[in-house]
Amino acid sequence: MKSALVVDDNEVNRILVSRFLSKLGWQVANAEDGDQALAWMADNSADLVLLDISMPTISGDEVCRRARAQRLDKGARLVAYTAHAMPEEREHFLSCGFDAILVKPVSRQAVASLLVDLGLAEGEG
């Protein structure tokens, strides 16, 4: 079974994305901030980590940089999970080490498409 970590300081966003992934057959863990995410990643591994960008204390892009530098990602696909999607912002996120960007608000179809794009799920048809 594929596993994911969903990191967002907004509980509703965490629940929504976690449900989408669960319905697609994924095992999902949650963290509400960057500190929790880094601690979880130090002790666990996942196929996918969705990181909200705008979080208190440690931003998602800083979590991504630290996870890559400290090799906490353990091969996981790291995805910027954000409402910020202007071209220059996208370029910045990719330069931080993210594999992809998922723009909020998300839909079940957007999550499913992301998984296919990252090679973590089979496409339909």
PDB file of N, CA and C in Angstrom:
ATOM      1  N   MET A   1       0.850  -1.189   0.000  1.00  0.00           N
ATOM      2  CA  MET A   1       0.000   0.000   0.000  1.00  0.00           C
ATOM      3  C   MET A   1       0.889   1.244   0.000  1.00  0.00           C
ATOM      4  N   LYS A   2       0.568   2.189  -0.831  1.00  0.00           N
ATOM      5  CA  LYS A   2       1.312   3.454  -0.895  1.00  0.00           C
ATOM      6  C   LYS A   2       0.978   4.285   0.344  1.00  0.00           C
ATOM      7  N   SER A   3       1.955   5.095   0.766  1.00  0.00           N
ATOM      8  CA  SER A   3       1.734   5.925   1.945  1.00  0.00           C
ATOM      9  C   SER A   3       2.074   7.381   1.650  1.00  0.00           C
ATOM     10  N   ALA A   4       1.385   8.261   2.382  1.00  0.00           N
ATOM     11  CA  ALA A   4       1.568   9.702   2.194  1.00  0.00           C
ATOM     12  C   ALA A   4       1.565  10.400   3.544  1.00  0.00           C
ATOM     13  N   LEU A   5       2.263  11.531   3.568  1.00  0.00           N
ATOM     14  CA  LEU A   5       2.204  12.443   4.705  1.00  0.00           C
ATOM     15  C   LEU A   5       1.610  13.742   4.188  1.00  0.00           C
ATOM     16  N   VAL A   6       0.534  14.196   4.824  1.00  0.00           N
ATOM     17  CA  VAL A   6      -0.109  15.457   4.463  1.00  0.00           C
ATOM     18  C   VAL A   6       0.198  16.465   5.565  1.00  0.00           C
ATOM     19  N   VAL A   7       0.846  17.573   5.179  1.00  0.00           N
ATOM     20  CA  VAL A   7       1.274  18.581   6.146  1.00  0.00           C
ATOM     21  C   VAL A   7       0.572  19.898   5.832  1.00  0.00           C
ATOM     22  N   ASP A   8      -0.274  20.334   6.756  1.00  0.00           N
ATOM     23  CA  ASP A   8      -1.017  21.579   6.566  1.00  0.00           C
ATOM     24  C   ASP A   8      -1.457  22.072   7.932  1.00  0.00           C
ATOM     25  N   ASP A   9      -1.308  23.372   8.190  1.00  0.00           N
ATOM     26  CA  ASP A   9      -1.749  23.912   9.475  1.00  0.00           C
ATOM     27  C   ASP A   9      -3.263  24.080   9.533  1.00  0.00           C
ATOM     28  N   ASN A  10      -3.940  23.921   8.400  1.00  0.00           N
ATOM     29  CA  ASN A  10      -5.396  24.019   8.344  1.00  0.00           C
ATOM     30  C   ASN A  10      -5.990  22.610   8.401  1.00  0.00           C
ATOM     31  N   GLU A  11      -6.721  22.325   9.479  1.00  0.00           N
ATOM     32  CA  GLU A  11      -7.261  20.981   9.693  1.00  0.00           C
ATOM     33  C   GLU A  11      -8.205  20.539   8.575  1.00  0.00           C
ATOM     34  N   VAL A  12      -9.047  21.438   8.091  1.00  0.00           N
ATOM     35  CA  VAL A  12      -9.994  21.094   7.027  1.00  0.00           C
ATOM     36  C   VAL A  12      -9.245  20.660   5.764  1.00  0.00           C
ATOM     37  N   ASN A  13      -8.188  21.393   5.409  1.00  0.00           N
ATOM     38  CA  ASN A  13      -7.389  21.018   4.240  1.00  0.00           C
ATOM     39  C   ASN A  13      -6.741  19.649   4.425  1.00  0.00           C
ATOM     40  N   ARG A  14      -6.216  19.389   5.620  1.00  0.00           N
ATOM     41  CA  ARG A  14      -5.592  18.076   5.905  1.00  0.00           C
ATOM     42  C   ARG A  14      -6.609  16.955   5.742  1.00  0.00           C
ATOM     43  N   ILE A  15      -7.777  17.148   6.327  1.00  0.00           N
ATOM     44  CA  ILE A  15      -8.819  16.119   6.268  1.00  0.00           C
ATOM     45  C   ILE A  15      -9.249  15.866   4.830  1.00  0.00           C
ATOM     46  N   LEU A  16      -9.474  16.934   4.071  1.00  0.00           N
ATOM     47  CA  LEU A  16      -9.932  16.802   2.694  1.00  0.00           C
ATOM     48  C   LEU A  16      -8.954  16.000   1.850  1.00  0.00           C
ATOM     49  N   VAL A  17      -7.691  16.402   1.846  1.00  0.00           N
ATOM     50  CA  VAL A  17      -6.692  15.701   1.033  1.00  0.00           C
ATOM     51  C   VAL A  17      -6.470  14.280   1.543  1.00  0.00           C
ATOM     52  N   SER A  18      -6.489  14.102   2.848  1.00  0.00           N
ATOM     53  CA  SER A  18      -6.326  12.761   3.417  1.00  0.00           C
ATOM     54  C   SER A  18      -7.450  11.835   2.961  1.00  0.00           C
ATOM     55  N   ARG A  19      -8.654  12.344   2.916  1.00  0.00           N
ATOM     56  CA  ARG A  19      -9.791  11.525   2.448  1.00  0.00           C
ATOM     57  C   ARG A  19      -9.648  11.175   0.974  1.00  0.00           C
ATOM     58  N   PHE A  20      -9.248  12.137   0.163  1.00  0.00           N
ATOM     59  CA  PHE A  20      -9.033  11.851  -1.271  1.00  0.00           C
ATOM     60  C   PHE A  20      -8.024  10.719  -1.427  1.00  0.00           C
ATOM     61  N   LEU A  21      -6.903  10.810  -0.718  1.00  0.00           N
ATOM     62  CA  LEU A  21      -5.868   9.788  -0.831  1.00  0.00           C
ATOM     63  C   LEU A  21      -6.339   8.448  -0.273  1.00  0.00           C
ATOM     64  N   SER A  22      -7.033   8.475   0.857  1.00  0.00           N
ATOM     65  CA  SER A  22      -7.543   7.234   1.448  1.00  0.00           C
ATOM     66  C   SER A  22      -8.495   6.513   0.505  1.00  0.00           C
ATOM     67  N   LYS A  23      -9.357   7.272  -0.147  1.00  0.00           N
ATOM     68  CA  LYS A  23     -10.315   6.666  -1.085  1.00  0.00           C
ATOM     69  C   LYS A  23      -9.614   6.080  -2.311  1.00  0.00           C
ATOM     70  N   LEU A  24      -8.397   6.557  -2.577  1.00  0.00           N
ATOM     71  CA  LEU A  24      -7.606   6.012  -3.683  1.00  0.00           C
ATOM     72  C   LEU A  24      -6.722   4.852  -3.206  1.00  0.00           C
ATOM     73  N   GLY A  25      -6.906   4.436  -1.951  1.00  0.00           N
ATOM     74  CA  GLY A  25      -6.200   3.283  -1.422  1.00  0.00           C
ATOM     75  C   GLY A  25      -4.885   3.568  -0.718  1.00  0.00           C
ATOM     76  N   TRP A  26      -4.642   4.816  -0.385  1.00  0.00           N
ATOM     77  CA  TRP A  26      -3.398   5.202   0.275  1.00  0.00           C
ATOM     78  C   TRP A  26      -3.530   5.173   1.783  1.00  0.00           C
ATOM     79  N   GLN A  27      -2.428   4.887   2.464  1.00  0.00           N
ATOM     80  CA  GLN A  27      -2.336   5.025   3.915  1.00  0.00           C
ATOM     81  C   GLN A  27      -1.818   6.438   4.157  1.00  0.00           C
ATOM     82  N   VAL A  28      -2.491   7.202   5.031  1.00  0.00           N
ATOM     83  CA  VAL A  28      -2.165   8.623   5.189  1.00  0.00           C
ATOM     84  C   VAL A  28      -1.846   8.975   6.639  1.00  0.00           C
ATOM     85  N   ALA A  29      -0.737   9.691   6.816  1.00  0.00           N
ATOM     86  CA  ALA A  29      -0.377  10.286   8.102  1.00  0.00           C
ATOM     87  C   ALA A  29      -0.520  11.798   7.951  1.00  0.00           C
ATOM     88  N   ASN A  30      -0.681  12.493   9.057  1.00  0.00           N
ATOM     89  CA  ASN A  30      -0.861  13.945   9.025  1.00  0.00           C
ATOM     90  C   ASN A  30       0.085  14.640   9.983  1.00  0.00           C
ATOM     91  N   ALA A  31       0.440  15.866   9.612  1.00  0.00           N
ATOM     92  CA  ALA A  31       1.214  16.747  10.496  1.00  0.00           C
ATOM     93  C   ALA A  31       0.647  18.144  10.320  1.00  0.00           C
ATOM     94  N   GLU A  32       0.662  18.937  11.395  1.00  0.00           N
ATOM     95  CA  GLU A  32       0.055  20.265  11.309  1.00  0.00           C
ATOM     96  C   GLU A  32       1.062  21.395  11.167  1.00  0.00           C
ATOM     97  N   ASP A  33       2.363  21.058  11.192  1.00  0.00           N
ATOM     98  CA  ASP A  33       3.360  22.109  10.964  1.00  0.00           C
ATOM     99  C   ASP A  33       4.675  21.491  10.496  1.00  0.00           C
ATOM    100  N   GLY A  34       5.607  22.354  10.146  1.00  0.00           N
ATOM    101  CA  GLY A  34       6.876  21.902   9.611  1.00  0.00           C
ATOM    102  C   GLY A  34       7.708  21.106  10.596  1.00  0.00           C
ATOM    103  N   ASP A  35       7.684  21.501  11.868  1.00  0.00           N
ATOM    104  CA  ASP A  35       8.433  20.759  12.884  1.00  0.00           C
ATOM    105  C   ASP A  35       7.933  19.322  12.982  1.00  0.00           C
ATOM    106  N   GLN A  36       6.610  19.151  13.022  1.00  0.00           N
ATOM    107  CA  GLN A  36       6.030  17.807  13.079  1.00  0.00           C
ATOM    108  C   GLN A  36       6.390  17.012  11.830  1.00  0.00           C
ATOM    109  N   ALA A  37       6.367  17.672  10.678  1.00  0.00           N
ATOM    110  CA  ALA A  37       6.689  16.998   9.422  1.00  0.00           C
ATOM    111  C   ALA A  37       8.120  16.475   9.428  1.00  0.00           C
ATOM    112  N   LEU A  38       9.065  17.320   9.827  1.00  0.00           N
ATOM    113  CA  LEU A  38      10.465  16.897   9.849  1.00  0.00           C
ATOM    114  C   LEU A  38      10.684  15.765  10.848  1.00  0.00           C
ATOM    115  N   ALA A  39      10.047  15.850  12.013  1.00  0.00           N
ATOM    116  CA  ALA A  39      10.171  14.790  13.014  1.00  0.00           C
ATOM    117  C   ALA A  39       9.591  13.484  12.483  1.00  0.00           C
ATOM    118  N   TRP A  40       8.428  13.556  11.832  1.00  0.00           N
ATOM    119  CA  TRP A  40       7.802  12.362  11.264  1.00  0.00           C
ATOM    120  C   TRP A  40       8.703  11.761  10.197  1.00  0.00           C
ATOM    121  N   MET A  41       9.245  12.597   9.326  1.00  0.00           N
ATOM    122  CA  MET A  41      10.085  12.116   8.233  1.00  0.00           C
ATOM    123  C   MET A  41      11.393  11.507   8.746  1.00  0.00           C
ATOM    124  N   ALA A  42      11.879  11.952   9.886  1.00  0.00           N
ATOM    125  CA  ALA A  42      13.102  11.387  10.463  1.00  0.00           C
ATOM    126  C   ALA A  42      12.889   9.938  10.900  1.00  0.00           C
ATOM    127  N   ASP A  43      11.657   9.619  11.316  1.00  0.00           N
ATOM    128  CA  ASP A  43      11.362   8.288  11.854  1.00  0.00           C
ATOM    129  C   ASP A  43      10.572   7.384  10.920  1.00  0.00           C
ATOM    130  N   ASN A  44      10.040   7.930   9.836  1.00  0.00           N
ATOM    131  CA  ASN A  44       9.157   7.179   8.944  1.00  0.00           C
ATOM    132  C   ASN A  44       9.510   7.477   7.497  1.00  0.00           C
ATOM    133  N   SER A  45       8.897   6.719   6.607  1.00  0.00           N
ATOM    134  CA  SER A  45       9.061   7.028   5.190  1.00  0.00           C
ATOM    135  C   SER A  45       7.691   6.981   4.526  1.00  0.00           C
ATOM    136  N   ALA A  46       7.587   7.679   3.412  1.00  0.00           N
ATOM    137  CA  ALA A  46       6.336   7.737   2.662  1.00  0.00           C
ATOM    138  C   ALA A  46       6.680   7.815   1.179  1.00  0.00           C
ATOM    139  N   ASP A  47       5.731   7.480   0.348  1.00  0.00           N
ATOM    140  CA  ASP A  47       5.906   7.606  -1.100  1.00  0.00           C
ATOM    141  C   ASP A  47       5.685   9.044  -1.545  1.00  0.00           C
ATOM    142  N   LEU A  48       4.856   9.769  -0.776  1.00  0.00           N
ATOM    143  CA  LEU A  48       4.437  11.116  -1.143  1.00  0.00           C
ATOM    144  C   LEU A  48       4.349  11.987   0.107  1.00  0.00           C
ATOM    145  N   VAL A  49       4.845  13.226   0.003  1.00  0.00           N
ATOM    146  CA  VAL A  49       4.692  14.193   1.092  1.00  0.00           C
ATOM    147  C   VAL A  49       4.121  15.465   0.488  1.00  0.00           C
ATOM    148  N   LEU A  50       2.921  15.828   0.927  1.00  0.00           N
ATOM    149  CA  LEU A  50       2.279  17.072   0.493  1.00  0.00           C
ATOM    150  C   LEU A  50       2.569  18.122   1.556  1.00  0.00           C
ATOM    151  N   LEU A  51       3.258  19.191   1.161  1.00  0.00           N
ATOM    152  CA  LEU A  51       3.651  20.236   2.101  1.00  0.00           C
ATOM    153  C   LEU A  51       2.958  21.549   1.791  1.00  0.00           C
ATOM    154  N   ASP A  52       2.115  21.997   2.717  1.00  0.00           N
ATOM    155  CA  ASP A  52       1.544  23.334   2.615  1.00  0.00           C
ATOM    156  C   ASP A  52       2.712  24.315   2.665  1.00  0.00           C
ATOM    157  N   ILE A  53       2.645  25.358   1.882  1.00  0.00           N
ATOM    158  CA  ILE A  53       3.737  26.328   1.847  1.00  0.00           C
ATOM    159  C   ILE A  53       3.646  27.326   2.998  1.00  0.00           C
ATOM    160  N   SER A  54       2.470  27.876   3.233  1.00  0.00           N
ATOM    161  CA  SER A  54       2.306  28.926   4.244  1.00  0.00           C
ATOM    162  C   SER A  54       1.919  28.333   5.591  1.00  0.00           C
ATOM    163  N   MET A  55       2.955  28.012   6.392  1.00  0.00           N
ATOM    164  CA  MET A  55       2.722  27.475   7.724  1.00  0.00           C
ATOM    165  C   MET A  55       3.514  28.294   8.733  1.00  0.00           C
ATOM    166  N   PRO A  56       3.013  28.353   9.976  1.00  0.00           N
ATOM    167  CA  PRO A  56       3.772  29.064  11.013  1.00  0.00           C
ATOM    168  C   PRO A  56       5.080  28.332  11.337  1.00  0.00           C
ATOM    169  N   THR A  57       6.013  28.984  11.856  1.00  0.00           N
ATOM    170  CA  THR A  57       7.359  28.553  12.251  1.00  0.00           C
ATOM    171  C   THR A  57       8.238  28.148  11.066  1.00  0.00           C
ATOM    172  N   ILE A  58       7.923  27.054  10.399  1.00  0.00           N
ATOM    173  CA  ILE A  58       8.742  26.616   9.262  1.00  0.00           C
ATOM    174  C   ILE A  58       7.847  26.481   8.034  1.00  0.00           C
ATOM    175  N   SER A  59       8.172  27.211   6.978  1.00  0.00           N
ATOM    176  CA  SER A  59       7.370  27.144   5.743  1.00  0.00           C
ATOM    177  C   SER A  59       7.582  25.807   5.044  1.00  0.00           C
ATOM    178  N   GLY A  60       6.662  25.460   4.180  1.00  0.00           N
ATOM    179  CA  GLY A  60       6.771  24.221   3.420  1.00  0.00           C
ATOM    180  C   GLY A  60       8.012  24.169   2.554  1.00  0.00           C
ATOM    181  N   ASP A  61       8.401  25.314   1.967  1.00  0.00           N
ATOM    182  CA  ASP A  61       9.600  25.282   1.129  1.00  0.00           C
ATOM    183  C   ASP A  61      10.859  25.061   1.972  1.00  0.00           C
ATOM    184  N   GLU A  62      10.878  25.587   3.198  1.00  0.00           N
ATOM    185  CA  GLU A  62      12.015  25.334   4.076  1.00  0.00           C
ATOM    186  C   GLU A  62      12.027  23.870   4.530  1.00  0.00           C
ATOM    187  N   VAL A  63      10.867  23.294   4.806  1.00  0.00           N
ATOM    188  CA  VAL A  63      10.791  21.873   5.154  1.00  0.00           C
ATOM    189  C   VAL A  63      11.345  21.045   3.998  1.00  0.00           C
ATOM    190  N   CYS A  64      10.970  21.393   2.780  1.00  0.00           N
ATOM    191  CA  CYS A  64      11.454  20.670   1.604  1.00  0.00           C
ATOM    192  C   CYS A  64      12.979  20.750   1.521  1.00  0.00           C
ATOM    193  N   ARG A  65      13.520  21.950   1.651  1.00  0.00           N
ATOM    194  CA  ARG A  65      14.982  22.127   1.575  1.00  0.00           C
ATOM    195  C   ARG A  65      15.693  21.289   2.644  1.00  0.00           C
ATOM    196  N   ARG A  66      15.182  21.351   3.875  1.00  0.00           N
ATOM    197  CA  ARG A  66      15.809  20.601   4.973  1.00  0.00           C
ATOM    198  C   ARG A  66      15.692  19.092   4.755  1.00  0.00           C
ATOM    199  N   ALA A  67      14.513  18.656   4.322  1.00  0.00           N
ATOM    200  CA  ALA A  67      14.299  17.223   4.085  1.00  0.00           C
ATOM    201  C   ALA A  67      15.255  16.704   3.012  1.00  0.00           C
ATOM    202  N   ARG A  68      15.435  17.474   1.951  1.00  0.00           N
ATOM    203  CA  ARG A  68      16.363  17.061   0.887  1.00  0.00           C
ATOM    204  C   ARG A  68      17.808  17.086   1.398  1.00  0.00           C
ATOM    205  N   ALA A  69      18.196  18.161   2.092  1.00  0.00           N
ATOM    206  CA  ALA A  69      19.572  18.302   2.567  1.00  0.00           C
ATOM    207  C   ALA A  69      19.938  17.220   3.580  1.00  0.00           C
ATOM    208  N   GLN A  70      18.982  16.869   4.447  1.00  0.00           N
ATOM    209  CA  GLN A  70      19.232  15.873   5.495  1.00  0.00           C
ATOM    210  C   GLN A  70      18.846  14.462   5.049  1.00  0.00           C
ATOM    211  N   ARG A  71      18.419  14.339   3.806  1.00  0.00           N
ATOM    212  CA  ARG A  71      17.984  13.059   3.227  1.00  0.00           C
ATOM    213  C   ARG A  71      16.840  12.407   4.018  1.00  0.00           C
ATOM    214  N   LEU A  72      15.972  13.247   4.573  1.00  0.00           N
ATOM    215  CA  LEU A  72      14.809  12.734   5.299  1.00  0.00           C
ATOM    216  C   LEU A  72      13.719  12.269   4.341  1.00  0.00           C
ATOM    217  N   ASP A  73      13.805  12.720   3.086  1.00  0.00           N
ATOM    218  CA  ASP A  73      12.768  12.379   2.115  1.00  0.00           C
ATOM    219  C   ASP A  73      12.774  10.899   1.761  1.00  0.00           C
ATOM    220  N   LYS A  74      13.918  10.226   1.869  1.00  0.00           N
ATOM    221  CA  LYS A  74      14.030   8.777   1.632  1.00  0.00           C
ATOM    222  C   LYS A  74      13.364   8.358   0.325  1.00  0.00           C
ATOM    223  N   GLY A  75      13.521   9.165  -0.697  1.00  0.00           N
ATOM    224  CA  GLY A  75      12.957   8.822  -2.006  1.00  0.00           C
ATOM    225  C   GLY A  75      11.524   9.267  -2.222  1.00  0.00           C
ATOM    226  N   ALA A  76      10.933   9.904  -1.237  1.00  0.00           N
ATOM    227  CA  ALA A  76       9.541  10.367  -1.373  1.00  0.00           C
ATOM    228  C   ALA A  76       9.448  11.470  -2.422  1.00  0.00           C
ATOM    229  N   ARG A  77       8.302  11.550  -3.052  1.00  0.00           N
ATOM    230  CA  ARG A  77       7.996  12.676  -3.926  1.00  0.00           C
ATOM    231  C   ARG A  77       7.478  13.788  -3.030  1.00  0.00           C
ATOM    232  N   LEU A  78       8.114  14.949  -3.083  1.00  0.00           N
ATOM    233  CA  LEU A  78       7.697  16.093  -2.275  1.00  0.00           C
ATOM    234  C   LEU A  78       6.916  17.055  -3.152  1.00  0.00           C
ATOM    235  N   VAL A  79       5.711  17.404  -2.690  1.00  0.00           N
ATOM    236  CA  VAL A  79       4.807  18.240  -3.476  1.00  0.00           C
ATOM    237  C   VAL A  79       4.438  19.496  -2.704  1.00  0.00           C
ATOM    238  N   ALA A  80       4.638  20.644  -3.348  1.00  0.00           N
ATOM    239  CA  ALA A  80       4.193  21.917  -2.782  1.00  0.00           C
ATOM    240  C   ALA A  80       2.678  21.952  -2.905  1.00  0.00           C
ATOM    241  N   TYR A  81       2.020  22.181  -1.793  1.00  0.00           N
ATOM    242  CA  TYR A  81       0.565  22.149  -1.713  1.00  0.00           C
ATOM    243  C   TYR A  81       0.144  23.560  -1.308  1.00  0.00           C
ATOM    244  N   THR A  82      -0.317  24.352  -2.296  1.00  0.00           N
ATOM    245  CA  THR A  82      -0.414  25.790  -2.046  1.00  0.00           C
ATOM    246  C   THR A  82      -1.454  26.483  -2.909  1.00  0.00           C
ATOM    247  N   ALA A  83      -1.881  27.650  -2.464  1.00  0.00           N
ATOM    248  CA  ALA A  83      -2.744  28.508  -3.283  1.00  0.00           C
ATOM    249  C   ALA A  83      -1.896  29.453  -4.134  1.00  0.00           C
ATOM    250  N   HIS A  84      -0.598  29.476  -3.883  1.00  0.00           N
ATOM    251  CA  HIS A  84       0.319  30.368  -4.607  1.00  0.00           C
ATOM    252  C   HIS A  84       0.822  29.666  -5.861  1.00  0.00           C
ATOM    253  N   ALA A  85       0.377  30.117  -7.017  1.00  0.00           N
ATOM    254  CA  ALA A  85       0.728  29.391  -8.238  1.00  0.00           C
ATOM    255  C   ALA A  85       1.126  30.286  -9.402  1.00  0.00           C
ATOM    256  N   MET A  86       1.586  31.478  -9.123  1.00  0.00           N
ATOM    257  CA  MET A  86       2.067  32.343 -10.189  1.00  0.00           C
ATOM    258  C   MET A  86       3.340  31.713 -10.765  1.00  0.00           C
ATOM    259  N   PRO A  87       3.654  31.982 -12.028  1.00  0.00           N
ATOM    260  CA  PRO A  87       4.829  31.349 -12.650  1.00  0.00           C
ATOM    261  C   PRO A  87       6.120  31.505 -11.846  1.00  0.00           C
ATOM    262  N   GLU A  88       6.379  32.699 -11.312  1.00  0.00           N
ATOM    263  CA  GLU A  88       7.616  32.882 -10.553  1.00  0.00           C
ATOM    264  C   GLU A  88       7.591  32.097  -9.236  1.00  0.00           C
ATOM    265  N   GLU A  89       6.392  31.916  -8.659  1.00  0.00           N
ATOM    266  CA  GLU A  89       6.269  31.120  -7.434  1.00  0.00           C
ATOM    267  C   GLU A  89       6.522  29.647  -7.747  1.00  0.00           C
ATOM    268  N   ARG A  90       5.968  29.179  -8.873  1.00  0.00           N
ATOM    269  CA  ARG A  90       6.175  27.791  -9.286  1.00  0.00           C
ATOM    270  C   ARG A  90       7.668  27.517  -9.477  1.00  0.00           C
ATOM    271  N   GLU A  91       8.351  28.437 -10.129  1.00  0.00           N
ATOM    272  CA  GLU A  91       9.794  28.307 -10.362  1.00  0.00           C
ATOM    273  C   GLU A  91      10.547  28.231  -9.031  1.00  0.00           C
ATOM    274  N   HIS A  92      10.158  29.086  -8.084  1.00  0.00           N
ATOM    275  CA  HIS A  92      10.778  29.085  -6.760  1.00  0.00           C
ATOM    276  C   HIS A  92      10.582  27.734  -6.066  1.00  0.00           C
ATOM    277  N   PHE A  93       9.349  27.214  -6.087  1.00  0.00           N
ATOM    278  CA  PHE A  93       9.069  25.948  -5.409  1.00  0.00           C
ATOM    279  C   PHE A  93       9.899  24.813  -6.009  1.00  0.00           C
ATOM    280  N   LEU A  94       9.969  24.766  -7.321  1.00  0.00           N
ATOM    281  CA  LEU A  94      10.749  23.712  -7.966  1.00  0.00           C
ATOM    282  C   LEU A  94      12.234  23.854  -7.629  1.00  0.00           C
ATOM    283  N   SER A  95      12.705  25.093  -7.488  1.00  0.00           N
ATOM    284  CA  SER A  95      14.112  25.307  -7.141  1.00  0.00           C
ATOM    285  C   SER A  95      14.408  24.897  -5.695  1.00  0.00           C
ATOM    286  N   CYS A  96      13.383  24.828  -4.854  1.00  0.00           N
ATOM    287  CA  CYS A  96      13.551  24.390  -3.463  1.00  0.00           C
ATOM    288  C   CYS A  96      13.702  22.872  -3.363  1.00  0.00           C
ATOM    289  N   GLY A  97      13.363  22.175  -4.441  1.00  0.00           N
ATOM    290  CA  GLY A  97      13.476  20.718  -4.432  1.00  0.00           C
ATOM    291  C   GLY A  97      12.163  19.976  -4.550  1.00  0.00           C
ATOM    292  N   PHE A  98      11.066  20.701  -4.734  1.00  0.00           N
ATOM    293  CA  PHE A  98       9.778  20.020  -4.900  1.00  0.00           C
ATOM    294  C   PHE A  98       9.729  19.289  -6.232  1.00  0.00           C
ATOM    295  N   ASP A  99       9.029  18.164  -6.253  1.00  0.00           N
ATOM    296  CA  ASP A  99       8.843  17.394  -7.481  1.00  0.00           C
ATOM    297  C   ASP A  99       7.665  17.901  -8.296  1.00  0.00           C
ATOM    298  N   ALA A 100       6.698  18.514  -7.619  1.00  0.00           N
ATOM    299  CA  ALA A 100       5.491  18.984  -8.293  1.00  0.00           C
ATOM    300  C   ALA A 100       4.782  19.995  -7.404  1.00  0.00           C
ATOM    301  N   ILE A 101       3.741  20.601  -7.973  1.00  0.00           N
ATOM    302  CA  ILE A 101       2.942  21.593  -7.262  1.00  0.00           C
ATOM    303  C   ILE A 101       1.478  21.215  -7.397  1.00  0.00           C
ATOM    304  N   LEU A 102       0.775  21.186  -6.287  1.00  0.00           N
ATOM    305  CA  LEU A 102      -0.666  20.932  -6.266  1.00  0.00           C
ATOM    306  C   LEU A 102      -1.325  22.212  -5.780  1.00  0.00           C
ATOM    307  N   VAL A 103      -2.164  22.791  -6.632  1.00  0.00           N
ATOM    308  CA  VAL A 103      -2.761  24.095  -6.334  1.00  0.00           C
ATOM    309  C   VAL A 103      -4.085  23.935  -5.596  1.00  0.00           C
ATOM    310  N   LYS A 104      -4.213  24.690  -4.494  1.00  0.00           N
ATOM    311  CA  LYS A 104      -5.465  24.731  -3.720  1.00  0.00           C
ATOM    312  C   LYS A 104      -6.432  25.695  -4.394  1.00  0.00           C
ATOM    313  N   PRO A 105      -7.720  25.506  -4.261  1.00  0.00           N
ATOM    314  CA  PRO A 105      -8.349  24.355  -3.621  1.00  0.00           C
ATOM    315  C   PRO A 105      -8.195  23.117  -4.498  1.00  0.00           C
ATOM    316  N   VAL A 106      -8.014  21.975  -3.854  1.00  0.00           N
ATOM    317  CA  VAL A 106      -7.795  20.746  -4.603  1.00  0.00           C
ATOM    318  C   VAL A 106      -9.095  19.980  -4.794  1.00  0.00           C
ATOM    319  N   SER A 107      -9.084  19.131  -5.796  1.00  0.00           N
ATOM    320  CA  SER A 107     -10.221  18.245  -6.057  1.00  0.00           C
ATOM    321  C   SER A 107      -9.696  16.814  -6.068  1.00  0.00           C
ATOM    322  N   ARG A 108     -10.586  15.865  -5.986  1.00  0.00           N
ATOM    323  CA  ARG A 108     -10.195  14.453  -6.047  1.00  0.00           C
ATOM    324  C   ARG A 108      -9.482  14.183  -7.361  1.00  0.00           C
ATOM    325  N   GLN A 109      -9.991  14.778  -8.457  1.00  0.00           N
ATOM    326  CA  GLN A 109      -9.382  14.572  -9.767  1.00  0.00           C
ATOM    327  C   GLN A 109      -7.970  15.164  -9.830  1.00  0.00           C
ATOM    328  N   ALA A 110      -7.764  16.322  -9.218  1.00  0.00           N
ATOM    329  CA  ALA A 110      -6.433  16.936  -9.211  1.00  0.00           C
ATOM    330  C   ALA A 110      -5.430  16.048  -8.472  1.00  0.00           C
ATOM    331  N   VAL A 111      -5.870  15.458  -7.361  1.00  0.00           N
ATOM    332  CA  VAL A 111      -4.997  14.563  -6.599  1.00  0.00           C
ATOM    333  C   VAL A 111      -4.692  13.320  -7.421  1.00  0.00           C
ATOM    334  N   ALA A 112      -5.714  12.732  -8.038  1.00  0.00           N
ATOM    335  CA  ALA A 112      -5.518  11.540  -8.863  1.00  0.00           C
ATOM    336  C   ALA A 112      -4.572  11.830 -10.036  1.00  0.00           C
ATOM    337  N   SER A 113      -4.737  12.972 -10.681  1.00  0.00           N
ATOM    338  CA  SER A 113      -3.864  13.358 -11.797  1.00  0.00           C
ATOM    339  C   SER A 113      -2.425  13.556 -11.337  1.00  0.00           C
ATOM    340  N   LEU A 114      -2.250  14.172 -10.172  1.00  0.00           N
ATOM    341  CA  LEU A 114      -0.926  14.372  -9.608  1.00  0.00           C
ATOM    342  C   LEU A 114      -0.227  13.029  -9.415  1.00  0.00           C
ATOM    343  N   LEU A 115      -0.942  12.062  -8.854  1.00  0.00           N
ATOM    344  CA  LEU A 115      -0.354  10.748  -8.605  1.00  0.00           C
ATOM    345  C   LEU A 115       0.092  10.089  -9.903  1.00  0.00           C
ATOM    346  N   VAL A 116      -0.715  10.218 -10.940  1.00  0.00           N
ATOM    347  CA  VAL A 116      -0.352   9.668 -12.250  1.00  0.00           C
ATOM    348  C   VAL A 116       0.879  10.391 -12.791  1.00  0.00           C
ATOM    349  N   ASP A 117       0.871  11.728 -12.714  1.00  0.00           N
ATOM    350  CA  ASP A 117       1.997  12.532 -13.217  1.00  0.00           C
ATOM    351  C   ASP A 117       3.308  12.175 -12.516  1.00  0.00           C
ATOM    352  N   LEU A 118       3.234  11.831 -11.247  1.00  0.00           N
ATOM    353  CA  LEU A 118       4.428  11.498 -10.478  1.00  0.00           C
ATOM    354  C   LEU A 118       4.818  10.021 -10.603  1.00  0.00           C
ATOM    355  N   GLY A 119       4.024   9.260 -11.359  1.00  0.00           N
ATOM    356  CA  GLY A 119       4.303   7.837 -11.520  1.00  0.00           C
ATOM    357  C   GLY A 119       3.927   7.015 -10.303  1.00  0.00           C
ATOM    358  N   LEU A 120       3.045   7.532  -9.471  1.00  0.00           N
ATOM    359  CA  LEU A 120       2.631   6.842  -8.248  1.00  0.00           C
ATOM    360  C   LEU A 120       1.285   6.138  -8.397  1.00  0.00           C
ATOM    361  N   ALA A 121       0.672   6.264  -9.568  1.00  0.00           N
ATOM    362  CA  ALA A 121      -0.607   5.606  -9.826  1.00  0.00           C
ATOM    363  C   ALA A 121      -0.737   5.394 -11.329  1.00  0.00           C
ATOM    364  N   GLU A 122      -1.550   4.445 -11.695  1.00  0.00           N
ATOM    365  CA  GLU A 122      -1.830   4.169 -13.110  1.00  0.00           C
ATOM    366  C   GLU A 122      -2.890   5.130 -13.610  1.00  0.00           C
ATOM    367  N   GLY A 123      -2.730   5.579 -14.842  1.00  0.00           N
ATOM    368  CA  GLY A 123      -3.752   6.433 -15.455  1.00  0.00           C
ATOM    369  C   GLY A 123      -4.928   5.590 -15.899  1.00  0.00           C
ATOM    370  N   GLU A 124      -6.081   6.215 -15.993  1.00  0.00           N
ATOM    371  CA  GLU A 124      -7.278   5.497 -16.456  1.00  0.00           C
ATOM    372  C   GLU A 124      -7.302   5.487 -17.966  1.00  0.00           C
ATOM    373  N   GLY A 125      -7.749   4.347 -18.518  1.00  0.00           N
ATOM    374  CA  GLY A 125      -7.886   4.244 -19.967  1.00  0.00           C
ATOM    375  C   GLY A 125      -6.654   3.730 -20.524  1.00  0.00           C
TER     376      GLY A 125
END
